[in-house]
Protein backbone atom coordinates (compact mmCIF):
# COMPACT_ATOMS: atom_id res chain seq x y z
CA MET A 1 -0.28 -0.50 -0.11
CA ASP A 2 2.97 2.62 0.48
CA GLU A 3 3.55 3.15 -3.11
CA ILE A 4 0.25 3.29 -4.30
CA GLU A 5 -1.01 6.91 -5.23
CA ILE A 6 -4.36 8.19 -6.70
CA THR A 7 -4.02 9.46 -10.11
CA GLU A 8 -7.35 10.41 -11.46
CA ILE A 9 -10.83 10.60 -10.53
CA ASP A 10 -13.06 10.24 -12.96
CA VAL A 11 -17.12 11.16 -12.05
CA LYS A 12 -20.24 9.84 -14.31
CA ASP A 13 -23.66 10.97 -15.00
CA ILE A 14 -26.04 7.26 -14.68
CA ARG A 15 -29.33 7.82 -15.13
CA PHE A 16 -32.12 5.26 -15.66
CA PRO A 17 -36.00 5.46 -16.94
CA THR A 18 -37.79 4.29 -13.67
CA SER A 19 -40.41 7.17 -14.61
CA LEU A 20 -41.62 5.59 -17.40
CA LEU A 21 -43.01 2.69 -15.29
CA SER A 22 -44.11 4.95 -11.65
CA ASP A 23 -40.66 2.80 -10.10
CA GLY A 24 -39.76 4.68 -6.90
CA SER A 25 -42.89 6.82 -7.23
CA ASP A 26 -43.77 7.99 -3.66
CA ALA A 27 -46.04 11.34 -2.62
CA MET A 28 -43.19 13.85 -3.08
CA HIS A 29 -41.22 12.49 -5.48
CA VAL A 30 -44.07 11.66 -8.19
CA ASP A 31 -41.73 10.87 -11.48
CA PRO A 32 -38.13 10.26 -10.16
CA ASP A 33 -35.81 8.83 -12.70
CA TYR A 34 -32.97 6.61 -10.23
CA SER A 35 -29.48 7.90 -10.17
CA CYS A 36 -25.62 8.55 -9.48
CA ALA A 37 -23.34 10.27 -9.48
CA TYR A 38 -20.74 7.29 -10.34
CA VAL A 39 -17.14 7.95 -8.73
CA THR A 40 -14.24 6.24 -10.09
CA ILE A 41 -10.68 6.49 -8.33
CA LYS A 42 -7.92 5.47 -10.45
CA THR A 43 -4.20 4.75 -9.24
CA ASN A 44 -0.33 4.50 -10.59
CA LYS A 45 -0.93 0.73 -9.34
CA CYS A 46 -3.95 -1.93 -11.04
CA TYR A 47 -6.41 -1.34 -8.52
CA GLU A 48 -9.00 1.24 -8.59
CA GLY A 49 -12.00 2.53 -5.89
CA TYR A 50 -16.05 2.75 -7.14
CA GLY A 51 -17.86 4.58 -5.54
CA LEU A 52 -21.30 6.85 -5.66
CA THR A 53 -24.66 8.46 -4.67
CA PHE A 54 -28.22 8.07 -5.37
CA THR A 55 -30.44 10.69 -6.73
CA LEU A 56 -33.53 11.12 -8.38
CA GLY A 57 -32.20 12.65 -12.68
CA ARG A 58 -32.59 15.97 -12.96
CA GLY A 59 -29.82 18.07 -10.70
CA THR A 60 -27.48 14.96 -10.68
CA GLU A 61 -24.82 17.10 -13.14
CA ILE A 62 -24.60 19.42 -9.98
CA VAL A 63 -23.38 16.33 -7.73
CA VAL A 64 -21.05 15.48 -10.38
CA GLN A 65 -19.46 18.62 -10.83
CA ALA A 66 -19.10 19.07 -7.04
CA CYS A 67 -17.59 15.38 -6.66
CA LEU A 68 -14.64 16.61 -9.39
CA THR A 69 -14.21 19.88 -7.73
CA MET A 70 -13.91 18.18 -4.44
CA SER A 71 -11.90 15.38 -5.73
CA LYS A 72 -8.97 17.75 -6.47
CA ILE A 73 -8.14 17.48 -2.57
CA LEU A 74 -6.97 13.90 -2.79
CA LYS A 75 -5.18 13.74 -6.15
CA GLY A 76 -1.81 13.11 -5.64
CA VAL A 77 -2.19 11.42 -2.24
CA LYS A 78 -0.49 8.09 -1.60
CA VAL A 79 -3.28 5.96 -0.05
CA LYS A 80 -1.82 4.59 3.24
CA GLU A 81 -1.75 8.51 3.94
CA ILE A 82 -5.39 8.71 3.89
CA PHE A 83 -6.14 5.15 5.40
CA SER A 84 -3.72 5.28 8.40
CA ASN A 85 -5.39 8.77 9.24
CA PHE A 86 -9.01 8.37 7.78
CA ALA A 87 -10.94 10.68 10.29
CA ASP A 88 -8.66 13.50 9.61
CA TYR A 89 -8.82 12.72 5.80
CA TRP A 90 -12.66 12.73 6.13
CA ARG A 91 -12.45 16.17 7.96
CA LYS A 92 -10.13 17.76 5.29
CA LEU A 93 -12.62 16.20 3.05
CA THR A 94 -16.04 17.94 4.15
CA SER A 95 -13.87 21.16 5.83
CA GLU A 96 -12.51 22.58 2.95
CA THR A 97 -12.47 26.04 3.60
CA GLN A 98 -13.61 27.63 0.80
CA ILE A 99 -15.99 25.00 -0.72
CA ARG A 100 -17.12 24.23 3.34
CA TRP A 101 -19.62 27.46 2.87
CA ILE A 102 -22.41 26.24 0.43
CA GLY A 103 -22.86 22.75 2.76
CA PRO A 104 -21.54 22.75 5.50
CA GLU A 105 -21.58 19.55 5.31
CA LYS A 106 -25.53 18.70 3.95
CA GLY A 107 -26.90 19.45 0.13
CA VAL A 108 -24.87 18.50 -2.68
CA THR A 109 -21.39 18.82 -1.02
CA HIS A 110 -21.78 15.93 1.34
CA LEU A 111 -23.73 14.27 -1.88
CA ALA A 112 -20.28 14.69 -3.08
CA THR A 113 -18.52 13.32 -0.13
CA ALA A 114 -20.00 10.39 0.05
CA ALA A 115 -19.32 9.61 -3.65
CA ILE A 116 -15.63 10.07 -3.08
CA ILE A 117 -15.84 8.51 0.36
CA ASN A 118 -17.53 5.39 -0.97
CA ALA A 119 -14.97 4.94 -3.84
CA LEU A 120 -12.30 5.46 -1.39
CA TRP A 121 -13.77 2.14 1.16
CA ASP A 122 -13.59 0.25 -1.96
CA LEU A 123 -10.50 0.74 -3.24
CA TRP A 124 -9.11 -0.30 0.55
CA ALA A 125 -11.26 -2.93 0.51
CA ARG A 126 -9.92 -3.87 -3.28
CA ILE A 127 -6.40 -3.82 -2.19
CA GLU A 128 -6.65 -5.66 1.20
CA GLU A 129 -9.03 -8.48 -0.70
CA LYS A 130 -11.99 -8.76 1.19
CA PRO A 131 -15.69 -7.36 0.61
CA LEU A 132 -16.33 -4.06 2.58
CA TRP A 133 -17.81 -5.94 5.84
CA LYS A 134 -15.18 -8.04 6.79
CA LEU A 135 -12.45 -5.45 6.26
CA LEU A 136 -14.86 -3.51 8.49
CA THR A 137 -15.60 -6.54 11.05
CA ASP A 138 -11.51 -7.55 10.59
CA LEU A 139 -10.63 -4.01 11.51
CA SER A 140 -9.55 -3.63 15.93
CA PRO A 141 -11.69 -1.49 17.59
CA GLU A 142 -8.51 1.35 17.51
CA GLU A 143 -8.14 0.85 13.57
CA LEU A 144 -12.36 1.27 13.14
CA VAL A 145 -12.50 4.25 15.86
CA SER A 146 -9.41 6.52 13.57
CA THR A 147 -11.61 6.43 10.89
CA ILE A 148 -14.66 8.56 12.62
CA ASP A 149 -14.53 12.17 13.59
CA PHE A 150 -16.18 12.57 16.66
CA ARG A 151 -16.67 16.50 16.10
CA TYR A 152 -19.85 18.17 17.55
CA ILE A 153 -20.95 14.39 18.96
CA THR A 154 -18.87 13.69 22.12
CA ASP A 155 -21.92 15.44 24.02
CA VAL A 156 -23.64 11.86 23.05
CA ILE A 157 -20.65 9.75 22.37
CA THR A 158 -16.83 9.81 23.24
CA LYS A 159 -14.07 8.17 21.17
CA GLU A 160 -12.90 6.42 24.38
CA GLU A 161 -16.86 5.10 25.40
CA ALA A 162 -16.83 4.23 21.36
CA LEU A 163 -13.20 2.11 22.06
CA LYS A 164 -15.21 0.53 25.15
CA ILE A 165 -18.21 -0.63 23.18
CA LEU A 166 -16.47 -1.76 20.57
CA HIS A 167 -13.68 -3.97 22.53
CA GLU A 168 -16.82 -5.57 25.02
CA LYS A 169 -18.40 -6.51 21.59
CA LYS A 170 -15.63 -8.73 20.84
CA LEU A 171 -17.18 -11.79 22.68
CA ASN A 172 -18.09 -14.39 20.53
CA LYS A 173 -17.74 -11.84 17.12
CA ASP A 174 -16.78 -15.45 15.14
CA LYS A 175 -19.38 -16.68 15.92
CA ARG A 176 -22.10 -14.52 14.94
CA GLU A 177 -20.26 -14.06 11.65
CA GLU A 178 -20.96 -18.00 10.68
CA ILE A 179 -24.97 -16.99 11.62
CA LEU A 180 -24.82 -14.16 9.43
CA LEU A 181 -22.81 -16.02 6.85
CA LYS A 182 -25.36 -19.23 6.80
CA ASN A 183 -28.03 -17.58 7.23
CA GLY A 184 -27.86 -14.06 6.16
CA TYR A 185 -29.62 -10.87 7.16
CA PRO A 186 -33.53 -10.09 7.42
CA ALA A 187 -35.13 -7.49 4.06
CA TYR A 188 -38.35 -5.73 3.31
CA THR A 189 -39.68 -5.29 0.17
CA THR A 190 -40.65 -1.98 -0.65
CA GLN A 191 -41.26 -2.51 -4.16
CA VAL A 192 -45.37 -3.40 -3.37
CA GLY A 193 -45.87 -0.10 -2.61
CA TRP A 194 -44.71 2.68 -4.98
CA LEU A 195 -47.09 4.96 -4.88
CA GLY A 196 -48.17 5.37 -8.69
CA TYR A 197 -48.85 1.80 -8.89
CA SER A 198 -52.20 0.17 -9.63
CA ASP A 199 -54.75 -1.21 -7.30
CA GLU A 200 -54.02 -5.18 -9.21
CA LYS A 201 -49.77 -4.74 -9.45
CA VAL A 202 -50.40 -4.28 -5.78
CA ARG A 203 -52.17 -7.11 -5.13
CA GLU A 204 -49.72 -9.11 -7.73
CA LEU A 205 -46.31 -8.08 -6.14
CA CYS A 206 -47.86 -9.20 -2.76
CA LYS A 207 -48.46 -13.05 -3.77
CA LYS A 208 -44.64 -12.55 -5.72
CA TYR A 209 -42.58 -11.22 -2.69
CA LEU A 210 -44.72 -13.61 -0.33
CA LYS A 211 -43.40 -16.23 -2.65
CA GLN A 212 -40.12 -15.22 -2.01
CA GLY A 213 -40.07 -15.66 1.42
CA PHE A 214 -40.56 -11.97 2.77
CA THR A 215 -42.87 -11.21 6.37
CA SER A 216 -42.21 -7.88 5.64
CA PHE A 217 -43.59 -5.14 3.59
CA LYS A 218 -43.75 -1.09 2.94
CA ALA A 219 -46.19 1.06 1.32
CA LYS A 220 -45.80 4.73 -0.07
CA VAL A 221 -48.69 6.78 1.64
CA GLY A 222 -49.76 10.80 2.09
CA GLN A 223 -51.09 11.89 -1.60
CA ASN A 224 -55.26 11.14 -0.33
CA ILE A 225 -55.90 9.29 2.64
CA ASP A 226 -59.20 7.28 0.87
CA ASP A 227 -56.39 5.49 -1.28
CA ASP A 228 -54.24 5.26 1.09
CA ILE A 229 -56.89 3.48 3.17
CA ARG A 230 -57.57 1.19 -0.23
CA ARG A 231 -53.73 -0.05 -0.87
CA CYS A 232 -53.30 -0.71 3.02
CA GLN A 233 -56.09 -2.45 3.09
CA ILE A 234 -55.43 -4.58 0.15
CA ILE A 235 -52.46 -5.70 1.47
CA ARG A 236 -52.76 -6.24 4.95
CA GLU A 237 -55.61 -8.59 2.86
CA GLU A 238 -52.76 -10.41 1.17
CA ILE A 239 -50.05 -10.74 3.42
CA GLY A 240 -52.38 -10.64 5.85
CA ASN A 241 -52.37 -9.40 9.81
CA LYS A 242 -48.90 -11.59 10.90
CA ASN A 243 -46.58 -10.28 8.82
CA LYS A 244 -45.24 -6.29 9.42
CA LEU A 245 -46.22 -3.27 7.63
CA MET A 246 -44.86 -0.39 7.56
CA VAL A 247 -45.84 3.25 5.71
CA ASP A 248 -43.64 6.10 4.25
CA ALA A 249 -44.66 9.60 3.67
CA ASN A 250 -41.60 10.55 2.54
CA GLN A 251 -42.00 14.47 4.27
CA VAL A 252 -45.36 15.40 2.69
CA TRP A 253 -46.76 16.33 6.51
CA ASP A 254 -47.48 19.27 9.13
CA VAL A 255 -46.95 17.97 12.45
CA LYS A 256 -50.25 18.10 13.23
CA GLN A 257 -51.23 16.25 9.86
CA ALA A 258 -48.56 13.39 10.40
CA ILE A 259 -50.45 12.52 13.83
CA ASP A 260 -53.91 12.92 12.48
CA TRP A 261 -53.85 11.14 8.43
CA MET A 262 -51.80 8.14 10.53
CA LYS A 263 -55.08 8.00 13.29
CA ASN A 264 -56.42 6.50 9.92
CA LEU A 265 -54.50 4.21 9.53
CA ILE A 266 -54.03 2.66 13.27
CA GLN A 267 -56.10 -0.57 12.02
CA PHE A 268 -53.89 -1.53 9.54
CA ASN A 269 -51.53 -2.71 12.78
CA LEU A 270 -48.56 -0.67 11.28
CA THR A 271 -44.60 -0.94 12.17
CA TRP A 272 -43.75 2.46 11.59
CA ILE A 273 -44.93 5.48 10.18
CA GLU A 274 -41.64 6.82 7.71
CA GLU A 275 -40.74 10.30 7.38
CA PRO A 276 -43.82 11.56 8.67
CA THR A 277 -42.10 15.62 8.30
CA SER A 278 -39.14 17.71 6.75
CA PRO A 279 -36.56 15.54 7.89
CA ASP A 280 -34.33 18.73 9.41
CA ASP A 281 -37.44 19.08 12.58
CA ILE A 282 -36.51 17.09 14.95
CA LEU A 283 -39.27 18.44 17.67
CA GLY A 284 -41.80 17.67 14.98
CA HIS A 285 -40.79 14.39 14.67
CA ALA A 286 -40.80 13.68 18.22
CA THR A 287 -43.88 15.06 19.44
CA ILE A 288 -45.36 12.70 16.48
CA ALA A 289 -43.14 9.91 17.99
CA LYS A 290 -45.16 10.46 21.43
CA GLU A 291 -48.46 10.19 20.10
CA LEU A 292 -48.17 7.35 18.10
CA ARG A 293 -46.39 4.89 19.83
CA THR A 294 -49.87 5.19 22.71
CA HIS A 295 -51.11 3.52 19.55
CA GLY A 296 -48.52 0.77 18.62
CA ILE A 297 -47.06 2.58 15.61
CA GLY A 298 -43.11 3.52 15.70
CA VAL A 299 -41.83 6.88 13.50
CA ALA A 300 -38.94 6.02 11.21
CA THR A 301 -36.60 8.38 9.62
CA GLY A 302 -32.59 8.60 8.29
CA GLU A 303 -32.58 8.84 4.18
CA MET A 304 -32.68 12.24 4.20
CA CYS A 305 -31.47 13.21 7.16
CA ALA A 306 -28.31 15.48 6.53
CA ASN A 307 -25.30 14.81 8.48
CA ARG A 308 -24.15 13.03 12.39
CA VAL A 309 -25.73 15.79 14.22
CA ILE A 310 -29.12 15.77 13.28
CA PHE A 311 -29.21 11.80 13.93
CA LYS A 312 -27.74 13.41 17.04
CA GLN A 313 -30.69 15.19 18.29
CA LEU A 314 -33.60 12.64 16.98
CA LEU A 315 -31.79 10.23 19.07
CA GLN A 316 -31.02 13.12 22.31
CA ALA A 317 -34.76 13.92 21.22
CA LYS A 318 -35.78 10.26 20.86
CA ALA A 319 -37.94 11.07 18.25
CA ILE A 320 -36.68 8.22 16.23
CA ASP A 321 -38.05 4.41 17.07
CA PHE A 322 -36.38 3.19 14.18
CA CYS A 323 -32.63 4.70 12.53
CA GLN A 324 -32.35 5.01 9.48
CA ILE A 325 -29.29 5.28 8.16
CA ASP A 326 -28.81 5.90 4.50
CA SER A 327 -24.99 5.16 2.37
CA ALA A 328 -25.61 8.09 0.17
CA ARG A 329 -26.43 10.79 1.99
CA ILE A 330 -24.25 11.75 4.72
CA GLY A 331 -20.79 11.42 3.86
CA GLY A 332 -20.38 7.85 3.25
CA VAL A 333 -19.05 4.72 5.71
CA ASN A 334 -16.89 7.12 8.09
CA GLU A 335 -20.17 9.52 9.41
CA ILE A 336 -22.63 6.31 9.06
CA LEU A 337 -20.68 4.85 11.56
CA SER A 338 -20.95 7.21 13.67
CA VAL A 339 -24.65 6.93 13.66
CA TYR A 340 -24.28 3.21 14.47
CA LEU A 341 -22.58 4.26 17.51
CA MET A 342 -25.11 7.31 18.74
CA ALA A 343 -27.95 4.62 17.73
CA HIS A 344 -25.67 1.86 19.88
CA LYS A 345 -25.80 3.56 22.92
CA MET A 346 -29.18 4.86 22.47
CA ASN A 347 -30.74 1.57 22.55
CA VAL A 348 -32.10 2.54 18.34
CA PRO A 349 -32.51 -0.06 16.16
CA VAL A 350 -30.77 0.40 12.75
CA CYS A 351 -32.88 -0.59 9.59
CA PRO A 352 -31.44 1.08 7.02
CA HIS A 353 -33.01 2.93 3.55
CA ALA A 354 -31.57 1.09 0.60
CA GLY A 355 -34.59 2.08 -2.43
CA GLY A 356 -32.20 3.40 -4.99
CA VAL A 357 -29.15 2.89 -7.24
CA GLY A 358 -26.61 0.68 -5.53
CA LEU A 359 -28.14 1.86 -2.17
CA CYS A 360 -28.88 -2.58 -1.12
CA GLU A 361 -25.65 -3.22 -2.91
CA MET A 362 -24.17 -0.57 0.39
CA VAL A 363 -25.78 -1.05 3.20
CA GLN A 364 -25.56 -5.16 3.67
CA HIS A 365 -22.23 -4.05 4.18
CA LEU A 366 -22.92 -1.64 7.27
CA GLN A 367 -25.32 -3.51 8.84
CA TYR A 368 -23.08 -6.52 8.38
CA TRP A 369 -20.47 -5.04 10.78
CA ASP A 370 -23.25 -3.77 12.72
CA MET A 371 -24.04 -6.93 13.91
CA ILE A 372 -20.94 -8.99 14.14
CA CYS A 373 -19.10 -6.23 15.63
CA LEU A 374 -21.39 -3.47 17.36
CA SER A 375 -24.95 -4.81 18.26
CA GLY A 376 -24.83 -8.43 17.98
CA THR A 377 -28.43 -8.68 17.14
CA MET A 378 -31.32 -9.14 14.35
CA LYS A 379 -33.88 -7.96 16.39
CA ASP A 380 -36.15 -5.42 15.50
CA ARG A 381 -33.64 -5.37 12.13
CA MET A 382 -34.10 -5.64 8.76
CA ILE A 383 -32.81 -4.07 5.46
CA GLU A 384 -35.37 -2.15 2.40
CA TYR A 385 -35.23 -4.23 -0.29
CA VAL A 386 -35.82 -2.85 -3.83
CA ASP A 387 -35.88 -5.01 -6.93
CA GLN A 388 -34.48 -3.34 -8.95
CA GLN A 389 -31.17 -1.67 -11.11
CA HIS A 390 -29.49 -4.33 -9.76
CA GLU A 391 -28.46 -6.34 -12.80
CA HIS A 392 -26.55 -3.05 -13.71
CA PHE A 393 -23.03 -3.88 -10.91
CA GLU A 394 -21.01 -6.26 -11.44
CA ASN A 395 -21.12 -7.74 -7.48
CA PRO A 396 -25.88 -7.53 -7.47
CA THR A 397 -27.02 -8.47 -4.11
CA VAL A 398 -27.97 -11.68 -3.42
CA ILE A 399 -31.76 -12.55 -1.87
CA LYS A 400 -32.34 -16.09 -0.89
CA ASN A 401 -35.73 -16.56 0.80
CA ALA A 402 -36.11 -12.46 1.75
CA HIS A 403 -32.24 -12.86 2.98
CA TYR A 404 -28.97 -10.76 2.52
CA MET A 405 -26.58 -13.02 1.89
CA PRO A 406 -22.74 -11.65 2.48
CA PRO A 407 -21.38 -10.81 -0.22
CA LYS A 408 -17.45 -12.91 -1.36
CA SER A 409 -16.51 -10.33 -3.60
CA PHE A 410 -13.54 -7.54 -2.92
CA GLY A 411 -14.60 -3.87 -2.30
CA TYR A 412 -17.89 -2.29 -1.48
CA SER A 413 -20.25 -3.74 -4.18
CA THR A 414 -20.19 -0.82 -6.09
CA LYS A 415 -19.08 -1.28 -9.37
CA PHE A 416 -21.41 -1.10 -12.45
CA LYS A 417 -20.68 -3.55 -15.44
CA LYS A 418 -19.48 -1.96 -17.92
CA GLU A 419 -22.44 -1.79 -20.42
CA SER A 420 -24.75 -0.29 -18.07
CA ILE A 421 -22.07 2.76 -18.28
CA ILE A 422 -22.58 2.83 -21.46
CA ASN A 423 -25.98 2.52 -22.49
CA PHE A 424 -27.25 4.60 -19.23
CA VAL A 425 -24.16 7.56 -19.15
CA TYR A 426 -26.74 11.16 -19.64
CA PRO A 427 -27.15 12.17 -22.21
CA ASN A 428 -24.59 10.14 -24.83
CA GLY A 429 -25.35 6.88 -23.34
CA LYS A 430 -27.33 4.78 -25.81
CA GLU A 431 -30.14 4.17 -24.35
CA TRP A 432 -30.97 7.49 -23.51
CA GLN A 433 -29.77 8.37 -27.26
CA ARG A 434 -32.72 5.89 -28.19
CA MET A 435 -35.27 7.69 -25.99
CA PHE A 436 -34.38 10.54 -27.07
CA LYS A 437 -34.38 10.12 -30.60
CA LYS A 438 -37.88 8.59 -30.02
CA GLY A 439 -39.66 11.50 -28.55
CA ILE A 440 -39.76 9.30 -25.04
CA PHE A 441 -37.37 11.81 -23.35
CA GLN A 442 -36.71 15.50 -24.10
CA ALA A 443 -33.21 15.77 -24.88
CA PRO A 444 -31.08 18.07 -22.78
CA ASP A 445 -30.26 22.04 -24.15
CA ASN A 446 -26.34 22.06 -24.98
């Protein structure tokens, strides 16, 4: 590793036309084209690292430019210098004195941070010839904690506390890894519940995923209460009363509106309501959570949380019952590890968000680490699964009997197939050019 140096960072805008079939549609995002800013880190040796951050189509070009601007910080740096002091390099990337002003640690700059950081972790795992989950679990507590920037969160957890927790959890670590390798990690599916789907399609998909062994399902809600009641009734009819059902409003409600709306859905025995209001409204989430807990409904959020500080406050305020990290929203693996540690200390289970390009591929690695090295359990924990875009990755997610099976290939499972890049790079990919010519989509202005 001593001689490996970063020589170039390439960034591509890759988009898939998911809006054509309403895949991914919800109350807030009615016509998403699932997309990503895709980063390739090249070195002077044979190693490359691949990372991405998830987007919904328009605006991806802005994230791409942010990645290119920020990546200049890493060009010419030896990778050992980064990985031996990763927390400092994470802070260097997020605290560049001029770029920081247009964040800080939120929005476009933090999405770009995630893509670059994810590529660095993929590179590290490839150099060590391990899947990322195994790289993380093999790191000593001291090595792992050295990757985390604890600034702004020491009022909840300190470096010393994190070390103590991780050392205590080393007992039976190998047994937990054996269990995970044998059985995998439980998944739930959102594929049955996109808001743009017809009732017939919802029924059909419920049957499909029940046959695949799924026992937990999620539906989008929030546009029309009568439609929500009807669709929840359909899903309950198909999956029965013993299986879990969650709902997701994708931030469309005010606080009182969320409480009133959810009271109409109590009859469906819901596990949680996800993103009931603005992702920045900590106290609003706390109010909603306090009210809905009396009805047996938890509150989940996190996919749009800007950074570890927002997560910290959600946990401090007892505003969430389920913590939903996202592999590409906050600043990559380093920052996500800090959220896991805080959630563990506050006794809140982590159930990752994974409904987008590459998110299923990435979050599985993080949740495996949590089970082996931190929480030590899969109780009240599961990973979201959305059945799309996996075919574009060299090492796609593998689901068996509704469980994520741990990948054995090196890296973070983030490398695209070459043909997928050729076909879907925007706007010059073969598939996009074909759709522009047929008038399916309007070509962007030059």
